[in-house]
Protein backbone atom coordinates (compact mmCIF):
# COMPACT_ATOMS: atom_id res chain seq x y z
CA MET A 1 106.78 94.44 58.52
CA ASN A 2 104.61 92.48 56.08
CA THR A 3 101.53 93.76 54.61
CA PRO A 4 98.29 91.53 55.53
CA THR A 5 96.81 89.87 52.75
CA ASN A 6 93.77 87.96 51.62
CA THR A 7 95.17 84.83 49.17
CA ASN A 8 92.53 83.65 46.85
CA ARG A 9 92.97 81.92 43.69
CA ARG A 10 93.76 85.06 41.68
CA GLY A 11 96.84 86.00 43.87
CA PRO A 12 97.09 88.11 46.91
CA ASN A 13 94.75 90.94 47.47
CA TYR A 14 96.39 93.25 49.85
CA LEU A 15 94.02 94.55 52.95
CA TYR A 16 95.49 98.02 53.33
CA PRO A 17 96.56 99.28 50.09
CA ALA A 18 98.90 102.14 50.70
CA ASP A 19 98.73 104.33 47.38
CA ASP A 20 96.77 102.50 44.66
CA ASP A 21 95.38 104.52 41.84
CA LYS A 22 92.29 102.13 41.62
CA VAL A 23 91.53 102.78 45.00
CA VAL A 24 91.41 106.55 44.75
CA THR A 25 89.66 106.31 41.49
CA GLY A 26 86.94 104.25 42.84
CA ALA A 27 86.37 106.72 45.88
CA CYS A 28 86.23 109.39 43.70
CA LEU A 29 83.59 107.93 41.18
CA ARG A 30 81.69 106.49 43.89
CA GLU A 31 81.48 110.37 45.48
CA ALA A 32 80.46 112.08 41.89
CA ARG A 33 77.77 109.29 41.65
CA LEU A 34 76.20 109.82 44.82
CA ASN A 35 76.49 113.59 44.48
CA LYS A 36 74.39 113.02 41.31
CA GLY A 37 71.96 110.76 43.03
CA VAL A 38 72.78 108.03 40.23
CA THR A 39 72.36 104.19 41.14
CA MET A 40 75.10 101.79 40.40
CA ASP A 41 72.84 100.21 37.83
CA GLU A 42 72.03 103.51 36.24
CA LEU A 43 75.94 104.40 35.69
CA ALA A 44 76.60 101.05 34.49
CA THR A 45 73.86 101.14 32.03
CA ALA A 46 74.84 104.28 30.70
CA ILE A 47 78.92 103.68 30.38
CA GLY A 48 78.26 100.40 28.75
CA PHE A 49 78.50 97.70 31.51
CA ALA A 50 76.43 94.58 31.50
CA ASN A 51 75.85 94.96 35.07
CA PRO A 52 76.08 97.19 38.09
CA GLY A 53 78.81 94.44 39.53
CA SER A 54 81.31 96.03 37.33
CA ILE A 55 80.74 99.76 39.21
CA SER A 56 80.82 98.05 42.71
CA GLN A 57 84.31 96.40 41.59
CA ILE A 58 85.43 99.60 40.21
CA GLU A 59 84.19 101.81 42.99
CA SER A 60 85.94 99.18 45.74
CA GLY A 61 89.28 99.42 44.13
CA GLN A 62 89.28 95.46 42.52
CA ARG A 63 88.73 96.70 39.06
CA ALA A 64 90.84 99.58 37.20
CA LEU A 65 88.49 101.94 35.03
CA THR A 66 89.57 102.07 31.37
CA ASP A 67 89.93 105.65 29.82
CA PRO A 68 86.98 105.28 27.41
CA LYS A 69 84.77 104.07 30.63
CA LEU A 70 86.22 106.80 32.54
CA ASN A 71 85.31 109.58 29.89
CA ALA A 72 81.63 108.15 29.35
CA ALA A 73 81.35 108.02 33.29
CA ALA A 74 82.61 111.70 33.38
CA GLU A 75 80.09 112.94 31.10
CA PHE A 76 77.06 111.17 32.30
CA LEU A 77 77.87 112.35 35.87
CA GLY A 78 78.44 115.93 34.35
CA VAL A 79 82.07 116.25 35.86
CA HIS A 80 85.55 116.67 34.36
CA PRO A 81 87.53 113.23 33.95
CA THR A 82 90.14 114.55 36.37
CA THR A 83 87.20 114.88 39.27
CA ILE A 84 87.61 110.91 39.00
CA ARG A 85 90.99 110.28 38.25
CA ARG A 86 93.19 112.64 39.83
CA PRO A 87 96.51 112.82 38.59
CA ARG A 88 99.40 111.91 40.68
CA LEU A 89 101.59 115.29 41.84
CA LYS A 90 105.46 113.96 41.30
CA ALA A 91 107.53 115.68 43.96
CA VAL A 92 110.21 118.15 42.80
CA LYS A 93 113.81 117.19 43.91
CA GLY A 94 115.83 119.99 45.50
CA GLY A 95 112.54 122.06 46.67
CA LYS A 96 111.65 125.42 45.28
CA LYS A 97 114.65 128.08 44.46
């Protein structure tokens, strides 16, 4: 089965990303931002972006959040960086013994 896509000049954009870290990170960033009552503009300014559109792109999973920006956002929002970028858990082969 093919994954539906939107094709644009930058290449395919998957409509239903299965397990994309950018999507999860963006959703967690948005949740942390809203929990603190911070606007996109305030967060963008605090972590060094020129406009709030960058935050919108990160929150929608269209743009990756770099480590320095992650740390700055976490500090500004008063949360640990792993609250925003959750580490992937690796499956253990063979189960528990």
